[in-house]
Amino acid sequence: MARSDWYASASAEITSLSSSFVNNKIIISGKFTTTKPVNDIVVWHDREPFGVNNDYDAVQWATKIIGQDSFRFECPLADFYDLTGNYEMRIGFLHANGSRTTLGYAYN
């Protein structure tokens, strides 16, 4: 059976998000809801400047979902090449139909 909804519009919403700093790692976990199933989730930390074609220096991690609606990332500080300045953390939901939903959060 051929898939008929390739790249059809999808959305995601984070219903719970928490972070902590343990053993020199940023730990990010949360729960979400989506309009289309999600296969994978990515998180990347992008140092200023932000925006289109400015994330070449972002560090990134990927994970599978936990259960039906949860995720957890461990981001070691050793993977960051510069710990100064402002950052934007983006969480990308990779939907089973090929579309992606991205949510961003600024921090420093």
N, C-alpha and C. Protein backbone atom coordinates (compact mmCIF):
# COMPACT_ATOMS: atom_id res chain seq x y z
N MET A 1 0.84 -1.18 0.00
CA MET A 1 0.00 0.00 0.00
C MET A 1 0.89 1.24 0.00
N ALA A 2 0.65 2.13 -0.92
CA ALA A 2 1.43 3.36 -1.03
C ALA A 2 0.93 4.40 -0.03
N ARG A 3 1.85 5.13 0.50
CA ARG A 3 1.50 6.20 1.44
C ARG A 3 0.97 7.38 0.64
N SER A 4 -0.12 7.97 1.09
CA SER A 4 -0.72 9.10 0.37
C SER A 4 -0.52 10.44 1.07
N ASP A 5 0.11 10.42 2.25
CA ASP A 5 0.25 11.68 2.99
C ASP A 5 1.69 12.16 3.13
N TRP A 6 2.56 11.77 2.19
CA TRP A 6 3.95 12.22 2.27
C TRP A 6 4.01 13.73 2.38
N TYR A 7 4.74 14.21 3.37
CA TYR A 7 4.99 15.63 3.61
C TYR A 7 3.74 16.46 3.86
N ALA A 8 2.63 15.81 4.19
CA ALA A 8 1.42 16.55 4.55
C ALA A 8 1.68 17.31 5.85
N SER A 9 0.99 18.39 6.02
CA SER A 9 1.16 19.23 7.20
C SER A 9 1.03 18.42 8.49
N ALA A 10 1.93 18.70 9.42
CA ALA A 10 1.91 18.05 10.73
C ALA A 10 2.30 19.10 11.76
N SER A 11 1.89 18.88 12.98
CA SER A 11 2.28 19.80 14.05
C SER A 11 2.63 19.02 15.30
N ALA A 12 3.37 19.68 16.18
CA ALA A 12 3.75 19.08 17.46
C ALA A 12 3.68 20.17 18.52
N GLU A 13 3.35 19.76 19.71
CA GLU A 13 3.31 20.68 20.84
C GLU A 13 3.98 19.99 22.03
N ILE A 14 4.85 20.71 22.70
CA ILE A 14 5.47 20.17 23.91
C ILE A 14 4.55 20.48 25.08
N THR A 15 4.13 19.44 25.78
CA THR A 15 3.21 19.61 26.91
C THR A 15 3.95 19.69 28.24
N SER A 16 5.19 19.23 28.27
CA SER A 16 6.01 19.28 29.48
C SER A 16 7.46 19.30 29.05
N LEU A 17 8.24 20.21 29.64
CA LEU A 17 9.65 20.32 29.28
C LEU A 17 10.45 20.63 30.54
N SER A 18 11.52 19.88 30.76
CA SER A 18 12.37 20.15 31.92
C SER A 18 13.83 20.01 31.50
N SER A 19 14.68 20.71 32.24
CA SER A 19 16.12 20.62 31.98
C SER A 19 16.86 20.62 33.31
N SER A 20 18.04 20.04 33.28
CA SER A 20 18.90 20.03 34.45
C SER A 20 20.34 19.97 33.96
N PHE A 21 21.25 20.19 34.89
CA PHE A 21 22.67 20.14 34.57
C PHE A 21 23.31 19.16 35.54
N VAL A 22 23.76 18.00 35.02
CA VAL A 22 24.31 16.94 35.85
C VAL A 22 25.57 16.38 35.17
N ASN A 23 26.65 16.24 35.93
CA ASN A 23 27.89 15.65 35.41
C ASN A 23 28.36 16.29 34.11
N ASN A 24 28.32 17.61 34.06
CA ASN A 24 28.74 18.37 32.88
C ASN A 24 27.91 18.08 31.64
N LYS A 25 26.64 17.75 31.83
CA LYS A 25 25.72 17.50 30.72
C LYS A 25 24.45 18.30 30.93
N ILE A 26 23.92 18.85 29.84
CA ILE A 26 22.59 19.44 29.86
C ILE A 26 21.62 18.29 29.59
N ILE A 27 20.72 18.04 30.52
CA ILE A 27 19.73 16.98 30.38
C ILE A 27 18.39 17.64 30.03
N ILE A 28 17.79 17.21 28.94
CA ILE A 28 16.52 17.77 28.49
C ILE A 28 15.54 16.62 28.35
N SER A 29 14.36 16.77 28.94
CA SER A 29 13.33 15.74 28.79
C SER A 29 11.98 16.41 28.68
N GLY A 30 11.05 15.70 28.08
CA GLY A 30 9.72 16.27 27.94
C GLY A 30 8.71 15.30 27.40
N LYS A 31 7.49 15.80 27.33
CA LYS A 31 6.36 15.08 26.75
C LYS A 31 5.77 15.94 25.64
N PHE A 32 5.11 15.30 24.68
CA PHE A 32 4.59 16.03 23.53
C PHE A 32 3.32 15.39 23.00
N THR A 33 2.61 16.15 22.19
CA THR A 33 1.49 15.63 21.40
C THR A 33 1.75 16.04 19.95
N THR A 34 1.27 15.24 19.01
CA THR A 34 1.45 15.55 17.59
C THR A 34 0.20 15.18 16.81
N THR A 35 0.10 15.75 15.62
CA THR A 35 -1.01 15.41 14.73
C THR A 35 -0.65 14.27 13.79
N LYS A 36 0.63 13.95 13.66
CA LYS A 36 1.11 12.82 12.85
C LYS A 36 2.14 12.06 13.68
N PRO A 37 2.25 10.75 13.52
CA PRO A 37 3.23 9.97 14.28
C PRO A 37 4.66 10.49 14.08
N VAL A 38 5.48 10.34 15.12
CA VAL A 38 6.87 10.79 15.11
C VAL A 38 7.78 9.57 15.21
N ASN A 39 8.80 9.50 14.33
CA ASN A 39 9.79 8.42 14.40
C ASN A 39 11.00 8.80 15.24
N ASP A 40 11.47 10.02 15.08
CA ASP A 40 12.69 10.46 15.74
C ASP A 40 12.53 11.90 16.20
N ILE A 41 13.39 12.28 17.15
CA ILE A 41 13.42 13.66 17.63
C ILE A 41 14.88 14.09 17.64
N VAL A 42 15.14 15.31 17.20
CA VAL A 42 16.48 15.87 17.24
C VAL A 42 16.47 17.13 18.09
N VAL A 43 17.59 17.40 18.71
CA VAL A 43 17.75 18.66 19.44
C VAL A 43 19.07 19.26 18.97
N TRP A 44 19.07 20.56 18.73
CA TRP A 44 20.33 21.20 18.43
C TRP A 44 20.40 22.53 19.16
N HIS A 45 21.63 22.85 19.55
CA HIS A 45 21.94 24.08 20.27
C HIS A 45 22.69 24.98 19.30
N ASP A 46 22.09 26.10 18.97
CA ASP A 46 22.64 27.01 17.96
C ASP A 46 23.06 28.31 18.63
N ARG A 47 24.33 28.63 18.53
CA ARG A 47 24.86 29.88 19.08
C ARG A 47 24.53 31.02 18.13
N GLU A 48 24.33 32.23 18.67
CA GLU A 48 24.05 33.40 17.82
C GLU A 48 25.09 33.52 16.72
N PRO A 49 24.70 33.95 15.54
CA PRO A 49 23.38 34.42 15.13
C PRO A 49 22.45 33.24 14.82
N PHE A 50 21.16 33.45 15.06
CA PHE A 50 20.15 32.43 14.78
C PHE A 50 19.52 32.70 13.42
N GLY A 51 18.71 31.76 12.97
CA GLY A 51 17.92 31.99 11.77
C GLY A 51 18.38 31.16 10.60
N VAL A 52 17.71 31.38 9.49
CA VAL A 52 17.95 30.62 8.26
C VAL A 52 19.41 30.77 7.83
N ASN A 53 20.02 29.67 7.51
CA ASN A 53 21.41 29.59 7.04
C ASN A 53 22.43 30.11 8.06
N ASN A 54 22.05 30.17 9.32
CA ASN A 54 22.98 30.58 10.37
C ASN A 54 23.23 29.48 11.39
N ASP A 55 22.76 28.28 11.13
CA ASP A 55 22.93 27.21 12.12
C ASP A 55 24.05 26.23 11.75
N TYR A 56 24.96 26.67 10.91
CA TYR A 56 26.09 25.82 10.52
C TYR A 56 26.95 25.41 11.70
N ASP A 57 26.90 26.18 12.78
CA ASP A 57 27.73 25.90 13.95
C ASP A 57 26.96 25.22 15.08
N ALA A 58 25.75 24.79 14.81
CA ALA A 58 24.93 24.16 15.85
C ALA A 58 25.43 22.74 16.15
N VAL A 59 25.37 22.36 17.42
CA VAL A 59 25.67 20.98 17.81
C VAL A 59 24.35 20.25 17.98
N GLN A 60 24.32 18.97 17.61
CA GLN A 60 23.04 18.27 17.48
C GLN A 60 23.11 16.85 18.02
N TRP A 61 21.97 16.40 18.54
CA TRP A 61 21.80 15.02 19.01
C TRP A 61 20.45 14.52 18.51
N ALA A 62 20.34 13.20 18.34
CA ALA A 62 19.09 12.58 17.91
C ALA A 62 18.72 11.46 18.87
N THR A 63 17.42 11.19 18.96
CA THR A 63 16.95 10.10 19.82
C THR A 63 15.63 9.56 19.29
N LYS A 64 15.30 8.36 19.69
CA LYS A 64 13.99 7.78 19.43
C LYS A 64 13.04 8.24 20.52
N ILE A 65 11.75 8.22 20.23
CA ILE A 65 10.79 8.59 21.26
C ILE A 65 10.73 7.49 22.32
N ILE A 66 10.36 7.89 23.52
CA ILE A 66 10.18 6.96 24.63
C ILE A 66 8.68 6.74 24.76
N GLY A 67 8.26 5.50 24.60
CA GLY A 67 6.82 5.21 24.64
C GLY A 67 6.13 5.87 23.46
N GLN A 68 5.05 6.58 23.73
CA GLN A 68 4.29 7.25 22.67
C GLN A 68 4.46 8.76 22.67
N ASP A 69 4.99 9.33 23.79
CA ASP A 69 4.90 10.78 23.90
C ASP A 69 6.03 11.44 24.68
N SER A 70 7.18 10.80 24.80
CA SER A 70 8.24 11.36 25.64
C SER A 70 9.60 11.31 24.95
N PHE A 71 10.52 12.16 25.43
CA PHE A 71 11.89 12.17 24.91
C PHE A 71 12.85 12.57 26.02
N ARG A 72 14.13 12.25 25.80
CA ARG A 72 15.19 12.62 26.75
C ARG A 72 16.51 12.71 25.99
N PHE A 73 17.24 13.79 26.23
CA PHE A 73 18.54 14.01 25.62
C PHE A 73 19.57 14.29 26.70
N GLU A 74 20.79 13.83 26.49
CA GLU A 74 21.93 14.22 27.30
C GLU A 74 22.92 14.90 26.36
N CYS A 75 23.19 16.17 26.62
CA CYS A 75 24.06 16.97 25.76
C CYS A 75 25.33 17.34 26.53
N PRO A 76 26.43 16.60 26.34
CA PRO A 76 27.67 16.89 27.08
C PRO A 76 28.25 18.25 26.70
N LEU A 77 28.65 19.02 27.69
CA LEU A 77 29.26 20.32 27.42
C LEU A 77 30.53 20.18 26.60
N ALA A 78 31.21 19.05 26.69
CA ALA A 78 32.43 18.83 25.92
C ALA A 78 32.16 18.88 24.41
N ASP A 79 30.92 18.66 23.98
CA ASP A 79 30.57 18.71 22.56
C ASP A 79 30.39 20.14 22.04
N PHE A 80 30.23 21.10 22.95
CA PHE A 80 30.08 22.50 22.56
C PHE A 80 31.48 23.09 22.36
N TYR A 81 31.67 23.85 21.31
CA TYR A 81 32.99 24.43 21.07
C TYR A 81 33.12 25.81 21.70
N ASP A 82 32.01 26.44 22.08
CA ASP A 82 32.04 27.77 22.70
C ASP A 82 30.86 27.87 23.66
N LEU A 83 31.13 28.08 24.91
CA LEU A 83 30.06 28.12 25.92
C LEU A 83 29.61 29.53 26.27
N THR A 84 30.09 30.52 25.53
CA THR A 84 29.71 31.90 25.82
C THR A 84 28.59 32.36 24.90
N GLY A 85 27.91 33.43 25.28
CA GLY A 85 26.92 34.05 24.42
C GLY A 85 25.53 33.45 24.54
N ASN A 86 24.69 33.87 23.63
CA ASN A 86 23.29 33.43 23.60
C ASN A 86 23.13 32.25 22.66
N TYR A 87 22.25 31.36 23.06
CA TYR A 87 21.96 30.16 22.28
C TYR A 87 20.46 30.04 22.04
N GLU A 88 20.11 29.28 21.02
CA GLU A 88 18.73 28.84 20.83
C GLU A 88 18.75 27.32 20.77
N MET A 89 17.96 26.70 21.62
CA MET A 89 17.79 25.25 21.56
C MET A 89 16.57 24.99 20.69
N ARG A 90 16.73 24.14 19.69
CA ARG A 90 15.60 23.77 18.84
C ARG A 90 15.36 22.28 18.97
N ILE A 91 14.11 21.93 19.07
CA ILE A 91 13.70 20.53 19.13
C ILE A 91 12.90 20.25 17.87
N GLY A 92 13.36 19.26 17.10
CA GLY A 92 12.71 18.91 15.84
C GLY A 92 12.04 17.55 15.93
N PHE A 93 10.79 17.52 15.57
CA PHE A 93 10.01 16.27 15.55
C PHE A 93 9.96 15.79 14.11
N LEU A 94 10.55 14.61 13.85
CA LEU A 94 10.60 14.06 12.50
C LEU A 94 9.44 13.09 12.34
N HIS A 95 8.43 13.55 11.62
CA HIS A 95 7.19 12.79 11.48
C HIS A 95 7.36 11.64 10.49
N ALA A 96 6.59 10.60 10.69
CA ALA A 96 6.67 9.39 9.86
C ALA A 96 6.38 9.67 8.39
N ASN A 97 5.66 10.75 8.10
CA ASN A 97 5.33 11.07 6.70
C ASN A 97 6.40 11.95 6.04
N GLY A 98 7.51 12.21 6.73
CA GLY A 98 8.60 12.98 6.13
C GLY A 98 8.61 14.45 6.50
N SER A 99 7.57 14.96 7.11
CA SER A 99 7.57 16.37 7.50
C SER A 99 8.27 16.55 8.84
N ARG A 100 8.60 17.80 9.16
CA ARG A 100 9.29 18.10 10.42
C ARG A 100 8.63 19.31 11.07
N THR A 101 8.46 19.23 12.38
CA THR A 101 8.00 20.36 13.18
C THR A 101 9.15 20.76 14.09
N THR A 102 9.47 22.06 14.14
CA THR A 102 10.58 22.54 14.96
C THR A 102 10.08 23.60 15.93
N LEU A 103 10.48 23.46 17.19
CA LEU A 103 10.15 24.42 18.24
C LEU A 103 11.45 24.94 18.83
N GLY A 104 11.55 26.26 19.08
CA GLY A 104 12.79 26.85 19.56
C GLY A 104 12.64 27.57 20.89
N TYR A 105 13.74 27.56 21.66
CA TYR A 105 13.78 28.18 22.98
C TYR A 105 15.12 28.88 23.14
N ALA A 106 15.10 30.19 23.44
CA ALA A 106 16.33 30.95 23.64
C ALA A 106 16.85 30.76 25.06
N TYR A 107 18.18 30.75 25.21
CA TYR A 107 18.80 30.67 26.53
C TYR A 107 20.23 31.20 26.46
N ASN A 108 20.83 31.43 27.63
CA ASN A 108 22.26 31.78 27.69
C ASN A 108 22.87 31.23 28.96
